[in-house]
Amino acid sequence: MEKSSTTQNSIPATDAPSHYFRFHLPHVHLGSVFGDDWFSLKAEAFARFFGTPVFLITQTFVVAIWIALNAMGLTKFDVYPFILLNLAFSLQAAYAAPLILLAQTRQADRDKAHADADAQHREALAMASEQRQALALQQTDRLLELIQQNTQLTTLVQELSKHIEVMTIQMHGKVVKGDTTL
């Protein structure tokens, strides 16, 4: 029993999907930054949220209100120099930094995997293009050969037609003279 030929990704050549993302399939496991469980999805969403304008604007308003309430004396839970606010920023940084670093590392892994998949796709396109060019060259050579054969046959038909014409004229001349010998 023969084995079918395979591509670099161990996908059988006859069964290989024809869509662009076929080279990305081996890297699907990199899709989720922290994993696929509930906590991982929330951690990734949290890390992605840190860089959004919504987060920055919301944090700015919360800090402004915090400072305003404490500076004006409306509340006394964190008076100047705002130790509790500094503690909150430190706590936020302690959790945000590792999550952001993990997200960046995994994003770099995903980017590399996608770049590799894109390179494989470009190589497959180049190989297919080379195969098409080779096939076109073979077909062109075959067409030239067929045209040459057609030209030879046309020349042969022309020569035979001239011989037939000469024989017809000779025969006509003999028939008109009444000569029965050929």
Protein backbone atom coordinates (compact mmCIF):
# COMPACT_ATOMS: atom_id res chain seq x y z
CA MET A 1 0.00 0.00 0.00
CA GLU A 2 1.43 3.37 -1.03
CA LYS A 3 1.57 6.29 1.34
CA SER A 4 0.38 9.61 -0.03
CA SER A 5 2.95 12.38 -0.23
CA THR A 6 2.88 14.88 2.60
CA THR A 7 3.70 18.55 2.96
CA GLN A 8 6.06 20.03 5.56
CA ASN A 9 3.28 20.16 8.15
CA SER A 10 2.53 16.43 7.81
CA ILE A 11 -0.77 17.22 6.12
CA PRO A 12 -1.38 14.80 3.24
CA ALA A 13 -0.95 16.67 -0.03
CA THR A 14 -4.21 15.28 -1.37
CA ASP A 15 -6.12 16.17 1.79
CA ALA A 16 -4.53 19.60 2.41
CA PRO A 17 -7.13 22.32 2.82
CA SER A 18 -6.97 24.95 0.13
CA HIS A 19 -7.68 27.92 2.39
CA TYR A 20 -5.11 30.48 3.48
CA PHE A 21 -5.14 29.59 7.20
CA ARG A 22 -4.14 25.94 6.69
CA PHE A 23 -0.61 26.85 7.80
CA HIS A 24 -1.97 28.47 10.99
CA LEU A 25 -3.73 25.30 12.18
CA PRO A 26 -0.67 23.89 14.00
CA HIS A 27 -0.54 27.13 16.05
CA VAL A 28 -4.17 27.24 17.20
CA HIS A 29 -3.06 26.37 20.74
CA LEU A 30 -1.43 29.81 20.93
CA GLY A 31 -4.77 31.54 20.38
CA SER A 32 -5.52 32.19 24.02
CA VAL A 33 -2.79 34.03 25.92
CA PHE A 34 -3.19 32.46 29.35
CA GLY A 35 -5.15 29.31 28.51
CA ASP A 36 -8.78 28.50 27.91
CA ASP A 37 -10.26 28.24 31.41
CA TRP A 38 -12.43 30.93 33.03
CA PHE A 39 -9.60 32.52 35.02
CA SER A 40 -7.28 32.61 32.02
CA LEU A 41 -9.85 34.31 29.85
CA LYS A 42 -10.57 36.89 32.57
CA ALA A 43 -6.85 37.48 33.16
CA GLU A 44 -6.28 38.09 29.44
CA ALA A 45 -9.27 40.44 29.26
CA PHE A 46 -7.97 42.28 32.34
CA ALA A 47 -4.46 42.61 30.84
CA ARG A 48 -5.87 43.87 27.54
CA PHE A 49 -8.12 46.37 29.38
CA PHE A 50 -5.12 48.11 31.03
CA GLY A 51 -4.07 49.78 27.80
CA THR A 52 -7.45 51.05 26.70
CA PRO A 53 -8.56 54.68 26.78
CA VAL A 54 -11.60 53.66 28.85
CA PHE A 55 -9.32 52.36 31.62
CA LEU A 56 -7.08 55.43 31.57
CA ILE A 57 -9.99 57.87 31.63
CA THR A 58 -11.82 55.92 34.34
CA GLN A 59 -8.70 55.69 36.49
CA THR A 60 -8.04 59.41 36.03
CA PHE A 61 -11.58 60.26 37.20
CA VAL A 62 -11.40 57.89 40.18
CA VAL A 63 -8.03 59.31 41.27
CA ALA A 64 -9.25 62.90 40.77
CA ILE A 65 -12.38 62.24 42.84
CA TRP A 66 -10.30 60.40 45.48
CA ILE A 67 -7.89 63.33 45.82
CA ALA A 68 -10.65 65.95 45.69
CA LEU A 69 -12.71 64.26 48.42
CA ASN A 70 -9.68 63.88 50.70
CA ALA A 71 -8.04 67.24 49.94
CA MET A 72 -11.24 69.24 50.52
CA GLY A 73 -11.81 67.45 53.79
CA LEU A 74 -15.15 65.92 52.77
CA THR A 75 -13.79 62.60 53.93
CA LYS A 76 -10.76 61.60 55.95
CA PHE A 77 -10.12 58.01 54.86
CA ASP A 78 -6.88 58.93 52.98
CA VAL A 79 -5.52 62.33 53.87
CA TYR A 80 -2.49 63.93 52.26
CA PRO A 81 0.09 62.37 51.27
CA PHE A 82 -2.52 59.78 50.11
CA ILE A 83 -0.80 56.67 51.43
CA LEU A 84 -3.83 54.47 50.67
CA LEU A 85 -3.93 55.75 47.08
CA ASN A 86 -0.22 54.94 46.70
CA LEU A 87 -0.87 51.49 48.14
CA ALA A 88 -3.71 50.99 45.63
CA PHE A 89 -1.39 52.02 42.75
CA SER A 90 1.31 49.65 44.02
CA LEU A 91 -1.19 46.80 44.28
CA GLN A 92 -2.48 47.55 40.79
CA ALA A 93 1.08 47.62 39.41
CA ALA A 94 1.96 44.38 41.22
CA TYR A 95 -0.86 42.58 39.40
CA ALA A 96 -0.81 44.49 36.13
CA ALA A 97 2.89 44.20 35.33
CA PRO A 98 3.08 40.37 35.34
CA LEU A 99 -0.19 40.08 33.42
CA ILE A 100 0.97 42.56 30.80
CA LEU A 101 4.38 40.87 30.51
CA LEU A 102 2.71 37.47 30.11
CA ALA A 103 0.38 38.89 27.47
CA GLN A 104 3.32 40.46 25.59
CA THR A 105 5.34 37.24 25.72
CA ARG A 106 2.47 35.12 24.45
CA GLN A 107 1.62 37.75 21.82
CA ALA A 108 5.22 37.58 20.63
CA ASP A 109 4.88 33.78 20.43
CA ARG A 110 1.66 34.14 18.45
CA ASP A 111 3.22 36.73 16.15
CA LYS A 112 6.20 34.43 15.51
CA ALA A 113 3.92 31.47 14.85
CA HIS A 114 1.79 33.51 12.46
CA ALA A 115 4.91 34.84 10.72
CA ASP A 116 6.14 31.26 10.31
CA ALA A 117 2.75 30.20 8.96
CA ASP A 118 2.74 33.15 6.56
CA ALA A 119 6.24 32.22 5.39
CA GLN A 120 5.09 28.64 4.78
CA HIS A 121 2.13 30.00 2.84
CA ARG A 122 4.42 32.19 0.71
CA GLU A 123 6.70 29.20 0.10
CA ALA A 124 3.71 27.10 -0.95
CA LEU A 125 2.59 29.87 -3.30
CA ALA A 126 6.09 30.14 -4.76
CA MET A 127 6.27 26.38 -5.23
CA ALA A 128 2.85 26.33 -6.89
CA SER A 129 3.94 29.21 -9.13
CA GLU A 130 7.11 27.35 -10.10
CA GLN A 131 5.06 24.24 -10.87
CA ARG A 132 2.66 26.28 -13.02
CA GLN A 133 5.60 27.88 -14.84
CA ALA A 134 7.20 24.48 -15.46
CA LEU A 135 3.88 23.11 -16.71
CA ALA A 136 3.40 26.16 -18.94
CA LEU A 137 6.91 25.65 -20.34
CA GLN A 138 6.17 21.97 -21.01
CA GLN A 139 2.90 22.88 -22.69
CA THR A 140 4.62 25.57 -24.75
CA ASP A 141 7.27 23.08 -25.87
CA ARG A 142 4.56 20.56 -26.75
CA LEU A 143 2.61 23.21 -28.66
CA LEU A 144 5.74 24.18 -30.60
CA GLU A 145 6.32 20.52 -31.40
CA LEU A 146 2.70 20.13 -32.55
CA ILE A 147 2.93 23.29 -34.69
CA GLN A 148 6.11 21.94 -36.28
CA GLN A 149 4.39 18.61 -36.99
CA ASN A 150 1.38 20.49 -38.36
CA THR A 151 3.67 22.52 -40.64
CA GLN A 152 5.36 19.32 -41.86
CA LEU A 153 1.98 17.70 -42.51
CA THR A 154 0.74 20.81 -44.31
CA THR A 155 3.86 20.77 -46.52
CA LEU A 156 3.37 17.06 -47.21
CA VAL A 157 -0.32 17.63 -48.08
CA GLN A 158 0.72 20.47 -50.37
CA GLU A 159 3.29 18.25 -52.15
CA LEU A 160 0.78 15.40 -52.47
CA SER A 161 -1.82 17.83 -53.79
CA LYS A 162 0.68 18.97 -56.45
CA HIS A 163 1.39 15.34 -57.42
CA ILE A 164 -2.36 14.66 -57.60
CA GLU A 165 -2.80 17.76 -59.74
CA VAL A 166 0.01 16.67 -62.10
CA MET A 167 -1.42 13.14 -62.31
CA THR A 168 -4.91 14.51 -62.87
CA ILE A 169 -3.66 16.71 -65.70
CA GLN A 170 -1.75 13.78 -67.23
CA MET A 171 -4.77 11.53 -66.91
CA HIS A 172 -7.05 14.16 -68.36
CA GLY A 173 -4.70 14.57 -71.29
CA LYS A 174 -4.66 10.83 -71.95
CA VAL A 175 -8.45 10.53 -71.60
CA VAL A 176 -9.01 13.39 -74.03
CA LYS A 177 -6.58 11.85 -76.57
CA GLY A 178 -8.25 8.52 -76.13
CA ASP A 179 -5.13 6.84 -74.86
CA THR A 180 -6.02 3.96 -72.54
CA THR A 181 -2.50 3.10 -71.42
CA LEU A 182 -1.44 4.52 -68.23
